[in-house]
Amino acid sequence: MTEPTPNRSTFYGTYFDRDSVLRLEKWSRILAWAILAMYLLQAAYDGGNSIYNAIASNSWLDMYFVFNTFSRPLQGALLFVVLQMVGKGLLILMDIEENTRRAIRK
């Protein structure tokens, strides 16, 4: 076996690499923000386009389209929450594993 790096635990019985889990957690949080921003920008663009078309054609807004357009940020918010929960869940599981290991040593 090779010597452990300073960032890696000296216990070789782990089923994961701590650094890769931390990278995954970081990227899940970044992806969550990117998805939320994308959904918000798409809803703003579609809503603005719908309002502009209604004004330009001097007609009423299609309320189903407006409802559908502004329900998209809700989908983005749900994906945001799920990805944030995944990231925090990974950190919680790593803490549980570390605390269990620490409790066994005592």
PDB file of N, CA and C in Angstrom:
ATOM      1  N   MET A   1       0.839  -1.180   0.000  1.00  0.00           N
ATOM      2  CA  MET A   1       0.000   0.000   0.000  1.00  0.00           C
ATOM      3  C   MET A   1       0.880   1.238   0.000  1.00  0.00           C
ATOM      4  N   THR A   2       0.368   2.268  -0.603  1.00  0.00           N
ATOM      5  CA  THR A   2       1.115   3.517  -0.627  1.00  0.00           C
ATOM      6  C   THR A   2       0.782   4.340   0.606  1.00  0.00           C
ATOM      7  N   GLU A   3       1.629   5.288   0.876  1.00  0.00           N
ATOM      8  CA  GLU A   3       1.404   6.173   2.016  1.00  0.00           C
ATOM      9  C   GLU A   3       0.207   7.075   1.726  1.00  0.00           C
ATOM     10  N   PRO A   4      -0.617   7.354   2.740  1.00  0.00           N
ATOM     11  CA  PRO A   4      -1.769   8.229   2.506  1.00  0.00           C
ATOM     12  C   PRO A   4      -1.316   9.673   2.296  1.00  0.00           C
ATOM     13  N   THR A   5      -2.085  10.374   1.472  1.00  0.00           N
ATOM     14  CA  THR A   5      -1.821  11.793   1.287  1.00  0.00           C
ATOM     15  C   THR A   5      -2.336  12.543   2.512  1.00  0.00           C
ATOM     16  N   PRO A   6      -1.885  13.766   2.752  1.00  0.00           N
ATOM     17  CA  PRO A   6      -2.342  14.495   3.933  1.00  0.00           C
ATOM     18  C   PRO A   6      -3.844  14.717   3.973  1.00  0.00           C
ATOM     19  N   ASN A   7      -4.518  14.773   2.819  1.00  0.00           N
ATOM     20  CA  ASN A   7      -5.960  15.008   2.790  1.00  0.00           C
ATOM     21  C   ASN A   7      -6.757  13.727   2.994  1.00  0.00           C
ATOM     22  N   ARG A   8      -6.122  12.588   2.883  1.00  0.00           N
ATOM     23  CA  ARG A   8      -6.844  11.324   2.960  1.00  0.00           C
ATOM     24  C   ARG A   8      -6.678  10.705   4.339  1.00  0.00           C
ATOM     25  N   SER A   9      -7.695  10.044   4.788  1.00  0.00           N
ATOM     26  CA  SER A   9      -7.667   9.386   6.087  1.00  0.00           C
ATOM     27  C   SER A   9      -6.648   8.245   6.077  1.00  0.00           C
ATOM     28  N   THR A  10      -6.080   7.930   7.248  1.00  0.00           N
ATOM     29  CA  THR A  10      -5.127   6.833   7.332  1.00  0.00           C
ATOM     30  C   THR A  10      -5.825   5.488   7.447  1.00  0.00           C
ATOM     31  N   PHE A  11      -7.124   5.470   7.595  1.00  0.00           N
ATOM     32  CA  PHE A  11      -7.876   4.227   7.674  1.00  0.00           C
ATOM     33  C   PHE A  11      -8.202   3.773   6.260  1.00  0.00           C
ATOM     34  N   TYR A  12      -7.762   2.576   5.885  1.00  0.00           N
ATOM     35  CA  TYR A  12      -7.923   2.103   4.511  1.00  0.00           C
ATOM     36  C   TYR A  12      -9.209   1.324   4.280  1.00  0.00           C
ATOM     37  N   GLY A  13     -10.067   1.242   5.281  1.00  0.00           N
ATOM     38  CA  GLY A  13     -11.302   0.488   5.130  1.00  0.00           C
ATOM     39  C   GLY A  13     -12.463   1.300   4.606  1.00  0.00           C
ATOM     40  N   THR A  14     -12.227   2.498   4.118  1.00  0.00           N
ATOM     41  CA  THR A  14     -13.329   3.312   3.602  1.00  0.00           C
ATOM     42  C   THR A  14     -13.727   2.838   2.212  1.00  0.00           C
ATOM     43  N   TYR A  15     -14.963   3.084   1.880  1.00  0.00           N
ATOM     44  CA  TYR A  15     -15.489   2.684   0.583  1.00  0.00           C
ATOM     45  C   TYR A  15     -15.535   3.852  -0.388  1.00  0.00           C
ATOM     46  N   PHE A  16     -14.988   4.985   0.000  1.00  0.00           N
ATOM     47  CA  PHE A  16     -15.040   6.161  -0.844  1.00  0.00           C
ATOM     48  C   PHE A  16     -13.768   6.976  -0.668  1.00  0.00           C
ATOM     49  N   ASP A  17     -13.534   7.831  -1.627  1.00  0.00           N
ATOM     50  CA  ASP A  17     -12.431   8.776  -1.545  1.00  0.00           C
ATOM     51  C   ASP A  17     -13.001  10.110  -1.094  1.00  0.00           C
ATOM     52  N   ARG A  18     -12.520  10.627   0.005  1.00  0.00           N
ATOM     53  CA  ARG A  18     -13.073  11.847   0.601  1.00  0.00           C
ATOM     54  C   ARG A  18     -13.007  13.025  -0.368  1.00  0.00           C
ATOM     55  N   ASP A  19     -11.916  13.158  -1.081  1.00  0.00           N
ATOM     56  CA  ASP A  19     -11.761  14.277  -2.010  1.00  0.00           C
ATOM     57  C   ASP A  19     -12.772  14.215  -3.155  1.00  0.00           C
ATOM     58  N   SER A  20     -13.033  13.023  -3.658  1.00  0.00           N
ATOM     59  CA  SER A  20     -13.997  12.908  -4.759  1.00  0.00           C
ATOM     60  C   SER A  20     -15.420  13.191  -4.271  1.00  0.00           C
ATOM     61  N   VAL A  21     -15.738  12.799  -3.038  1.00  0.00           N
ATOM     62  CA  VAL A  21     -17.063  13.105  -2.496  1.00  0.00           C
ATOM     63  C   VAL A  21     -17.224  14.608  -2.310  1.00  0.00           C
ATOM     64  N   LEU A  22     -16.176  15.274  -1.838  1.00  0.00           N
ATOM     65  CA  LEU A  22     -16.240  16.723  -1.676  1.00  0.00           C
ATOM     66  C   LEU A  22     -16.362  17.428  -3.027  1.00  0.00           C
ATOM     67  N   ARG A  23     -15.688  16.916  -4.052  1.00  0.00           N
ATOM     68  CA  ARG A  23     -15.827  17.492  -5.396  1.00  0.00           C
ATOM     69  C   ARG A  23     -17.250  17.296  -5.917  1.00  0.00           C
ATOM     70  N   LEU A  24     -17.801  16.105  -5.702  1.00  0.00           N
ATOM     71  CA  LEU A  24     -19.170  15.832  -6.139  1.00  0.00           C
ATOM     72  C   LEU A  24     -20.155  16.752  -5.437  1.00  0.00           C
ATOM     73  N   GLU A  25     -19.950  16.968  -4.161  1.00  0.00           N
ATOM     74  CA  GLU A  25     -20.831  17.859  -3.395  1.00  0.00           C
ATOM     75  C   GLU A  25     -20.736  19.284  -3.934  1.00  0.00           C
ATOM     76  N   LYS A  26     -19.525  19.739  -4.219  1.00  0.00           N
ATOM     77  CA  LYS A  26     -19.338  21.094  -4.735  1.00  0.00           C
ATOM     78  C   LYS A  26     -20.006  21.258  -6.098  1.00  0.00           C
ATOM     79  N   TRP A  27     -19.826  20.269  -6.979  1.00  0.00           N
ATOM     80  CA  TRP A  27     -20.407  20.367  -8.308  1.00  0.00           C
ATOM     81  C   TRP A  27     -21.928  20.235  -8.286  1.00  0.00           C
ATOM     82  N   SER A  28     -22.474  19.490  -7.330  1.00  0.00           N
ATOM     83  CA  SER A  28     -23.937  19.404  -7.243  1.00  0.00           C
ATOM     84  C   SER A  28     -24.518  20.751  -6.826  1.00  0.00           C
ATOM     85  N   ARG A  29     -23.831  21.475  -5.930  1.00  0.00           N
ATOM     86  CA  ARG A  29     -24.310  22.810  -5.541  1.00  0.00           C
ATOM     87  C   ARG A  29     -24.174  23.802  -6.690  1.00  0.00           C
ATOM     88  N   ILE A  30     -23.082  23.740  -7.445  1.00  0.00           N
ATOM     89  CA  ILE A  30     -22.903  24.631  -8.596  1.00  0.00           C
ATOM     90  C   ILE A  30     -23.957  24.339  -9.662  1.00  0.00           C
ATOM     91  N   LEU A  31     -24.194  23.067  -9.938  1.00  0.00           N
ATOM     92  CA  LEU A  31     -25.200  22.677 -10.920  1.00  0.00           C
ATOM     93  C   LEU A  31     -26.595  23.118 -10.487  1.00  0.00           C
ATOM     94  N   ALA A  32     -26.882  23.052  -9.186  1.00  0.00           N
ATOM     95  CA  ALA A  32     -28.182  23.489  -8.681  1.00  0.00           C
ATOM     96  C   ALA A  32     -28.411  24.966  -8.987  1.00  0.00           C
ATOM     97  N   TRP A  33     -27.413  25.800  -8.747  1.00  0.00           N
ATOM     98  CA  TRP A  33     -27.553  27.229  -9.038  1.00  0.00           C
ATOM     99  C   TRP A  33     -27.671  27.478 -10.535  1.00  0.00           C
ATOM    100  N   ALA A  34     -26.925  26.748 -11.348  1.00  0.00           N
ATOM    101  CA  ALA A  34     -26.991  26.927 -12.804  1.00  0.00           C
ATOM    102  C   ALA A  34     -28.368  26.544 -13.334  1.00  0.00           C
ATOM    103  N   ILE A  35     -28.921  25.462 -12.845  1.00  0.00           N
ATOM    104  CA  ILE A  35     -30.251  25.032 -13.291  1.00  0.00           C
ATOM    105  C   ILE A  35     -31.305  26.042 -12.875  1.00  0.00           C
ATOM    106  N   LEU A  36     -31.227  26.538 -11.639  1.00  0.00           N
ATOM    107  CA  LEU A  36     -32.197  27.532 -11.184  1.00  0.00           C
ATOM    108  C   LEU A  36     -32.112  28.796 -12.039  1.00  0.00           C
ATOM    109  N   ALA A  37     -30.902  29.263 -12.315  1.00  0.00           N
ATOM    110  CA  ALA A  37     -30.738  30.462 -13.134  1.00  0.00           C
ATOM    111  C   ALA A  37     -31.281  30.239 -14.544  1.00  0.00           C
ATOM    112  N   MET A  38     -31.041  29.058 -15.106  1.00  0.00           N
ATOM    113  CA  MET A  38     -31.514  28.758 -16.449  1.00  0.00           C
ATOM    114  C   MET A  38     -33.043  28.762 -16.503  1.00  0.00           C
ATOM    115  N   TYR A  39     -33.689  28.156 -15.521  1.00  0.00           N
ATOM    116  CA  TYR A  39     -35.156  28.135 -15.488  1.00  0.00           C
ATOM    117  C   TYR A  39     -35.716  29.541 -15.306  1.00  0.00           C
ATOM    118  N   LEU A  40     -35.084  30.359 -14.459  1.00  0.00           N
ATOM    119  CA  LEU A  40     -35.575  31.719 -14.255  1.00  0.00           C
ATOM    120  C   LEU A  40     -35.405  32.570 -15.513  1.00  0.00           C
ATOM    121  N   LEU A  41     -34.263  32.440 -16.172  1.00  0.00           N
ATOM    122  CA  LEU A  41     -34.047  33.194 -17.406  1.00  0.00           C
ATOM    123  C   LEU A  41     -35.014  32.770 -18.503  1.00  0.00           C
ATOM    124  N   GLN A  42     -35.264  31.470 -18.596  1.00  0.00           N
ATOM    125  CA  GLN A  42     -36.200  30.989 -19.613  1.00  0.00           C
ATOM    126  C   GLN A  42     -37.614  31.497 -19.335  1.00  0.00           C
ATOM    127  N   ALA A  43     -38.030  31.500 -18.072  1.00  0.00           N
ATOM    128  CA  ALA A  43     -39.370  31.985 -17.733  1.00  0.00           C
ATOM    129  C   ALA A  43     -39.475  33.483 -17.993  1.00  0.00           C
ATOM    130  N   ALA A  44     -38.432  34.240 -17.660  1.00  0.00           N
ATOM    131  CA  ALA A  44     -38.461  35.684 -17.911  1.00  0.00           C
ATOM    132  C   ALA A  44     -38.524  35.968 -19.410  1.00  0.00           C
ATOM    133  N   TYR A  45     -37.757  35.246 -20.192  1.00  0.00           N
ATOM    134  CA  TYR A  45     -37.765  35.447 -21.649  1.00  0.00           C
ATOM    135  C   TYR A  45     -39.126  35.087 -22.246  1.00  0.00           C
ATOM    136  N   ASP A  46     -39.654  33.926 -21.885  1.00  0.00           N
ATOM    137  CA  ASP A  46     -40.948  33.500 -22.422  1.00  0.00           C
ATOM    138  C   ASP A  46     -42.070  34.435 -21.976  1.00  0.00           C
ATOM    139  N   GLY A  47     -42.034  34.866 -20.715  1.00  0.00           N
ATOM    140  CA  GLY A  47     -43.057  35.792 -20.229  1.00  0.00           C
ATOM    141  C   GLY A  47     -42.981  37.133 -20.925  1.00  0.00           C
ATOM    142  N   GLY A  48     -41.775  37.656 -21.084  1.00  0.00           N
ATOM    143  CA  GLY A  48     -41.619  38.915 -21.797  1.00  0.00           C
ATOM    144  C   GLY A  48     -42.040  38.810 -23.246  1.00  0.00           C
ATOM    145  N   ASN A  49     -41.721  37.697 -23.879  1.00  0.00           N
ATOM    146  CA  ASN A  49     -42.110  37.475 -25.267  1.00  0.00           C
ATOM    147  C   ASN A  49     -43.625  37.389 -25.399  1.00  0.00           C
ATOM    148  N   SER A  50     -44.279  36.739 -24.464  1.00  0.00           N
ATOM    149  CA  SER A  50     -45.733  36.618 -24.499  1.00  0.00           C
ATOM    150  C   SER A  50     -46.403  37.979 -24.312  1.00  0.00           C
ATOM    151  N   ILE A  51     -45.883  38.776 -23.380  1.00  0.00           N
ATOM    152  CA  ILE A  51     -46.448  40.111 -23.149  1.00  0.00           C
ATOM    153  C   ILE A  51     -46.225  40.998 -24.378  1.00  0.00           C
ATOM    154  N   TYR A  52     -45.043  40.934 -24.953  1.00  0.00           N
ATOM    155  CA  TYR A  52     -44.748  41.734 -26.146  1.00  0.00           C
ATOM    156  C   TYR A  52     -45.671  41.351 -27.298  1.00  0.00           C
ATOM    157  N   ASN A  53     -45.869  40.058 -27.515  1.00  0.00           N
ATOM    158  CA  ASN A  53     -46.754  39.613 -28.606  1.00  0.00           C
ATOM    159  C   ASN A  53     -48.195  40.043 -28.368  1.00  0.00           C
ATOM    160  N   ALA A  54     -48.643  40.019 -27.105  1.00  0.00           N
ATOM    161  CA  ALA A  54     -50.012  40.447 -26.813  1.00  0.00           C
ATOM    162  C   ALA A  54     -50.177  41.939 -27.079  1.00  0.00           C
ATOM    163  N   ILE A  55     -49.167  42.734 -26.717  1.00  0.00           N
ATOM    164  CA  ILE A  55     -49.244  44.177 -26.961  1.00  0.00           C
ATOM    165  C   ILE A  55     -49.145  44.472 -28.459  1.00  0.00           C
ATOM    166  N   ALA A  56     -48.226  43.792 -29.139  1.00  0.00           N
ATOM    167  CA  ALA A  56     -48.023  44.052 -30.573  1.00  0.00           C
ATOM    168  C   ALA A  56     -49.237  43.669 -31.403  1.00  0.00           C
ATOM    169  N   SER A  57     -49.921  42.587 -31.022  1.00  0.00           N
ATOM    170  CA  SER A  57     -51.087  42.157 -31.797  1.00  0.00           C
ATOM    171  C   SER A  57     -52.390  42.707 -31.233  1.00  0.00           C
ATOM    172  N   ASN A  58     -52.304  43.501 -30.145  1.00  0.00           N
ATOM    173  CA  ASN A  58     -53.476  44.120 -29.520  1.00  0.00           C
ATOM    174  C   ASN A  58     -54.522  43.062 -29.147  1.00  0.00           C
ATOM    175  N   SER A  59     -54.055  42.009 -28.479  1.00  0.00           N
ATOM    176  CA  SER A  59     -54.955  40.935 -28.066  1.00  0.00           C
ATOM    177  C   SER A  59     -54.713  40.611 -26.591  1.00  0.00           C
ATOM    178  N   TRP A  60     -55.528  39.723 -26.078  1.00  0.00           N
ATOM    179  CA  TRP A  60     -55.402  39.311 -24.679  1.00  0.00           C
ATOM    180  C   TRP A  60     -54.275  38.303 -24.520  1.00  0.00           C
ATOM    181  N   LEU A  61     -53.765  38.250 -23.312  1.00  0.00           N
ATOM    182  CA  LEU A  61     -52.765  37.227 -22.992  1.00  0.00           C
ATOM    183  C   LEU A  61     -53.439  35.871 -22.867  1.00  0.00           C
ATOM    184  N   ASP A  62     -52.776  34.855 -23.336  1.00  0.00           N
ATOM    185  CA  ASP A  62     -53.255  33.487 -23.159  1.00  0.00           C
ATOM    186  C   ASP A  62     -52.887  33.064 -21.738  1.00  0.00           C
ATOM    187  N   MET A  63     -53.874  32.978 -20.871  1.00  0.00           N
ATOM    188  CA  MET A  63     -53.611  32.731 -19.455  1.00  0.00           C
ATOM    189  C   MET A  63     -53.011  31.349 -19.195  1.00  0.00           C
ATOM    190  N   TYR A  64     -53.353  30.362 -19.999  1.00  0.00           N
ATOM    191  CA  TYR A  64     -52.736  29.056 -19.830  1.00  0.00           C
ATOM    192  C   TYR A  64     -51.234  29.142 -20.104  1.00  0.00           C
ATOM    193  N   PHE A  65     -50.855  29.868 -21.153  1.00  0.00           N
ATOM    194  CA  PHE A  65     -49.437  30.021 -21.467  1.00  0.00           C
ATOM    195  C   PHE A  65     -48.715  30.787 -20.361  1.00  0.00           C
ATOM    196  N   VAL A  66     -49.360  31.811 -19.823  1.00  0.00           N
ATOM    197  CA  VAL A  66     -48.756  32.584 -18.728  1.00  0.00           C
ATOM    198  C   VAL A  66     -48.575  31.692 -17.500  1.00  0.00           C
ATOM    199  N   PHE A  67     -49.585  30.914 -17.157  1.00  0.00           N
ATOM    200  CA  PHE A  67     -49.477  30.004 -16.018  1.00  0.00           C
ATOM    201  C   PHE A  67     -48.378  28.977 -16.240  1.00  0.00           C
ATOM    202  N   ASN A  68     -48.333  28.424 -17.447  1.00  0.00           N
ATOM    203  CA  ASN A  68     -47.319  27.430 -17.774  1.00  0.00           C
ATOM    204  C   ASN A  68     -45.917  28.043 -17.729  1.00  0.00           C
ATOM    205  N   THR A  69     -45.787  29.262 -18.226  1.00  0.00           N
ATOM    206  CA  THR A  69     -44.490  29.938 -18.235  1.00  0.00           C
ATOM    207  C   THR A  69     -43.991  30.206 -16.826  1.00  0.00           C
ATOM    208  N   PHE A  70     -44.865  30.685 -15.973  1.00  0.00           N
ATOM    209  CA  PHE A  70     -44.429  31.037 -14.621  1.00  0.00           C
ATOM    210  C   PHE A  70     -44.452  29.859 -13.655  1.00  0.00           C
ATOM    211  N   SER A  71     -44.866  28.685 -14.116  1.00  0.00           N
ATOM    212  CA  SER A  71     -44.721  27.484 -13.290  1.00  0.00           C
ATOM    213  C   SER A  71     -43.353  26.834 -13.505  1.00  0.00           C
ATOM    214  N   ARG A  72     -42.659  27.219 -14.559  1.00  0.00           N
ATOM    215  CA  ARG A  72     -41.327  26.658 -14.815  1.00  0.00           C
ATOM    216  C   ARG A  72     -40.314  27.000 -13.730  1.00  0.00           C
ATOM    217  N   PRO A  73     -40.315  28.228 -13.192  1.00  0.00           N
ATOM    218  CA  PRO A  73     -39.372  28.469 -12.084  1.00  0.00           C
ATOM    219  C   PRO A  73     -39.626  27.557 -10.881  1.00  0.00           C
ATOM    220  N   LEU A  74     -40.863  27.118 -10.701  1.00  0.00           N
ATOM    221  CA  LEU A  74     -41.150  26.167  -9.625  1.00  0.00           C
ATOM    222  C   LEU A  74     -40.439  24.843  -9.886  1.00  0.00           C
ATOM    223  N   GLN A  75     -40.421  24.398 -11.128  1.00  0.00           N
ATOM    224  CA  GLN A  75     -39.690  23.180 -11.478  1.00  0.00           C
ATOM    225  C   GLN A  75     -38.201  23.363 -11.220  1.00  0.00           C
ATOM    226  N   GLY A  76     -37.665  24.512 -11.607  1.00  0.00           N
ATOM    227  CA  GLY A  76     -36.259  24.799 -11.354  1.00  0.00           C
ATOM    228  C   GLY A  76     -35.955  24.865  -9.864  1.00  0.00           C
ATOM    229  N   ALA A  77     -36.880  25.435  -9.097  1.00  0.00           N
ATOM    230  CA  ALA A  77     -36.679  25.523  -7.646  1.00  0.00           C
ATOM    231  C   ALA A  77     -36.684  24.139  -7.006  1.00  0.00           C
ATOM    232  N   LEU A  78     -37.542  23.261  -7.492  1.00  0.00           N
ATOM    233  CA  LEU A  78     -37.564  21.898  -6.955  1.00  0.00           C
ATOM    234  C   LEU A  78     -36.272  21.154  -7.276  1.00  0.00           C
ATOM    235  N   LEU A  79     -35.779  21.304  -8.504  1.00  0.00           N
ATOM    236  CA  LEU A  79     -34.496  20.694  -8.851  1.00  0.00           C
ATOM    237  C   LEU A  79     -33.367  21.286  -8.021  1.00  0.00           C
ATOM    238  N   PHE A  80     -33.436  22.590  -7.775  1.00  0.00           N
ATOM    239  CA  PHE A  80     -32.445  23.267  -6.939  1.00  0.00           C
ATOM    240  C   PHE A  80     -32.428  22.659  -5.534  1.00  0.00           C
ATOM    241  N   VAL A  81     -33.604  22.491  -4.956  1.00  0.00           N
ATOM    242  CA  VAL A  81     -33.694  21.940  -3.602  1.00  0.00           C
ATOM    243  C   VAL A  81     -33.175  20.507  -3.560  1.00  0.00           C
ATOM    244  N   VAL A  82     -33.536  19.717  -4.555  1.00  0.00           N
ATOM    245  CA  VAL A  82     -33.085  18.316  -4.578  1.00  0.00           C
ATOM    246  C   VAL A  82     -31.564  18.238  -4.685  1.00  0.00           C
ATOM    247  N   LEU A  83     -30.977  19.030  -5.562  1.00  0.00           N
ATOM    248  CA  LEU A  83     -29.517  18.990  -5.710  1.00  0.00           C
ATOM    249  C   LEU A  83     -28.805  19.546  -4.480  1.00  0.00           C
ATOM    250  N   GLN A  84     -29.375  20.548  -3.837  1.00  0.00           N
ATOM    251  CA  GLN A  84     -28.791  21.049  -2.599  1.00  0.00           C
ATOM    252  C   GLN A  84     -28.882  19.989  -1.500  1.00  0.00           C
ATOM    253  N   MET A  85     -30.002  19.271  -1.453  1.00  0.00           N
ATOM    254  CA  MET A  85     -30.153  18.205  -0.458  1.00  0.00           C
ATOM    255  C   MET A  85     -29.160  17.075  -0.708  1.00  0.00           C
ATOM    256  N   VAL A  86     -28.905  16.763  -1.964  1.00  0.00           N
ATOM    257  CA  VAL A  86     -27.917  15.728  -2.288  1.00  0.00           C
ATOM    258  C   VAL A  86     -26.548  16.146  -1.778  1.00  0.00           C
ATOM    259  N   GLY A  87     -26.172  17.406  -2.035  1.00  0.00           N
ATOM    260  CA  GLY A  87     -24.879  17.899  -1.584  1.00  0.00           C
ATOM    261  C   GLY A  87     -24.750  17.881  -0.072  1.00  0.00           C
ATOM    262  N   LYS A  88     -25.765  18.376   0.615  1.00  0.00           N
ATOM    263  CA  LYS A  88     -25.721  18.392   2.083  1.00  0.00           C
ATOM    264  C   LYS A  88     -25.805  16.970   2.644  1.00  0.00           C
ATOM    265  N   GLY A  89     -26.553  16.102   1.979  1.00  0.00           N
ATOM    266  CA  GLY A  89     -26.641  14.712   2.426  1.00  0.00           C
ATOM    267  C   GLY A  89     -25.299  14.006   2.350  1.00  0.00           C
ATOM    268  N   LEU A  90     -24.527  14.292   1.303  1.00  0.00           N
ATOM    269  CA  LEU A  90     -23.183  13.713   1.210  1.00  0.00           C
ATOM    270  C   LEU A  90     -22.301  14.170   2.360  1.00  0.00           C
ATOM    271  N   LEU A  91     -22.396  15.459   2.705  1.00  0.00           N
ATOM    272  CA  LEU A  91     -21.603  15.961   3.830  1.00  0.00           C
ATOM    273  C   LEU A  91     -22.042  15.345   5.155  1.00  0.00           C
ATOM    274  N   ILE A  92     -23.349  15.179   5.316  1.00  0.00           N
ATOM    275  CA  ILE A  92     -23.859  14.564   6.551  1.00  0.00           C
ATOM    276  C   ILE A  92     -23.383  13.118   6.660  1.00  0.00           C
ATOM    277  N   LEU A  93     -23.452  12.373   5.566  1.00  0.00           N
ATOM    278  CA  LEU A  93     -22.992  10.989   5.599  1.00  0.00           C
ATOM    279  C   LEU A  93     -21.496  10.893   5.890  1.00  0.00           C
ATOM    280  N   MET A  94     -20.716  11.832   5.350  1.00  0.00           N
ATOM    281  CA  MET A  94     -19.281  11.832   5.658  1.00  0.00           C
ATOM    282  C   MET A  94     -19.039  12.143   7.127  1.00  0.00           C
ATOM    283  N   ASP A  95     -19.832  13.064   7.704  1.00  0.00           N
ATOM    284  CA  ASP A  95     -19.701  13.370   9.135  1.00  0.00           C
ATOM    285  C   ASP A  95     -20.082  12.177   9.998  1.00  0.00           C
ATOM    286  N   ILE A  96     -21.140  11.475   9.610  1.00  0.00           N
ATOM    287  CA  ILE A  96     -21.553  10.286  10.370  1.00  0.00           C
ATOM    288  C   ILE A  96     -20.449   9.245  10.349  1.00  0.00           C
ATOM    289  N   GLU A  97     -19.859   9.040   9.167  1.00  0.00           N
ATOM    290  CA  GLU A  97     -18.782   8.061   9.051  1.00  0.00           C
ATOM    291  C   GLU A  97     -17.579   8.467   9.901  1.00  0.00           C
ATOM    292  N   GLU A  98     -17.225   9.745   9.870  1.00  0.00           N
ATOM    293  CA  GLU A  98     -16.090  10.231  10.655  1.00  0.00           C
ATOM    294  C   GLU A  98     -16.359  10.133  12.153  1.00  0.00           C
ATOM    295  N   ASN A  99     -17.571  10.486  12.579  1.00  0.00           N
ATOM    296  CA  ASN A  99     -17.914  10.385  14.002  1.00  0.00           C
ATOM    297  C   ASN A  99     -17.942   8.937  14.475  1.00  0.00           C
ATOM    298  N   THR A 100     -18.420   8.043  13.616  1.00  0.00           N
ATOM    299  CA  THR A 100     -18.434   6.616  13.978  1.00  0.00           C
ATOM    300  C   THR A 100     -17.008   6.095  14.131  1.00  0.00           C
ATOM    301  N   ARG A 101     -16.139   6.468  13.235  1.00  0.00           N
ATOM    302  CA  ARG A 101     -14.748   6.058  13.313  1.00  0.00           C
ATOM    303  C   ARG A 101     -14.089   6.631  14.571  1.00  0.00           C
ATOM    304  N   ARG A 102     -14.380   7.874  14.884  1.00  0.00           N
ATOM    305  CA  ARG A 102     -13.808   8.514  16.063  1.00  0.00           C
ATOM    306  C   ARG A 102     -14.321   7.858  17.346  1.00  0.00           C
ATOM    307  N   ALA A 103     -15.586   7.468  17.364  1.00  0.00           N
ATOM    308  CA  ALA A 103     -16.170   6.834  18.548  1.00  0.00           C
ATOM    309  C   ALA A 103     -15.562   5.442  18.772  1.00  0.00           C
ATOM    310  N   ILE A 104     -15.233   4.740  17.710  1.00  0.00           N
ATOM    311  CA  ILE A 104     -14.647   3.406  17.837  1.00  0.00           C
ATOM    312  C   ILE A 104     -13.238   3.494  18.419  1.00  0.00           C
ATOM    313  N   ARG A 105     -12.506   4.545  18.074  1.00  0.00           N
ATOM    314  CA  ARG A 105     -11.137   4.693  18.568  1.00  0.00           C
ATOM    315  C   ARG A 105     -11.075   4.949  20.061  1.00  0.00           C
ATOM    316  N   LYS A 106     -12.115   5.498  20.635  1.00  0.00           N
ATOM    317  CA  LYS A 106     -12.090   5.844  22.073  1.00  0.00           C
ATOM    318  C   LYS A 106     -12.263   4.672  22.950  1.00  0.00           C
TER     319      LYS A 106
END
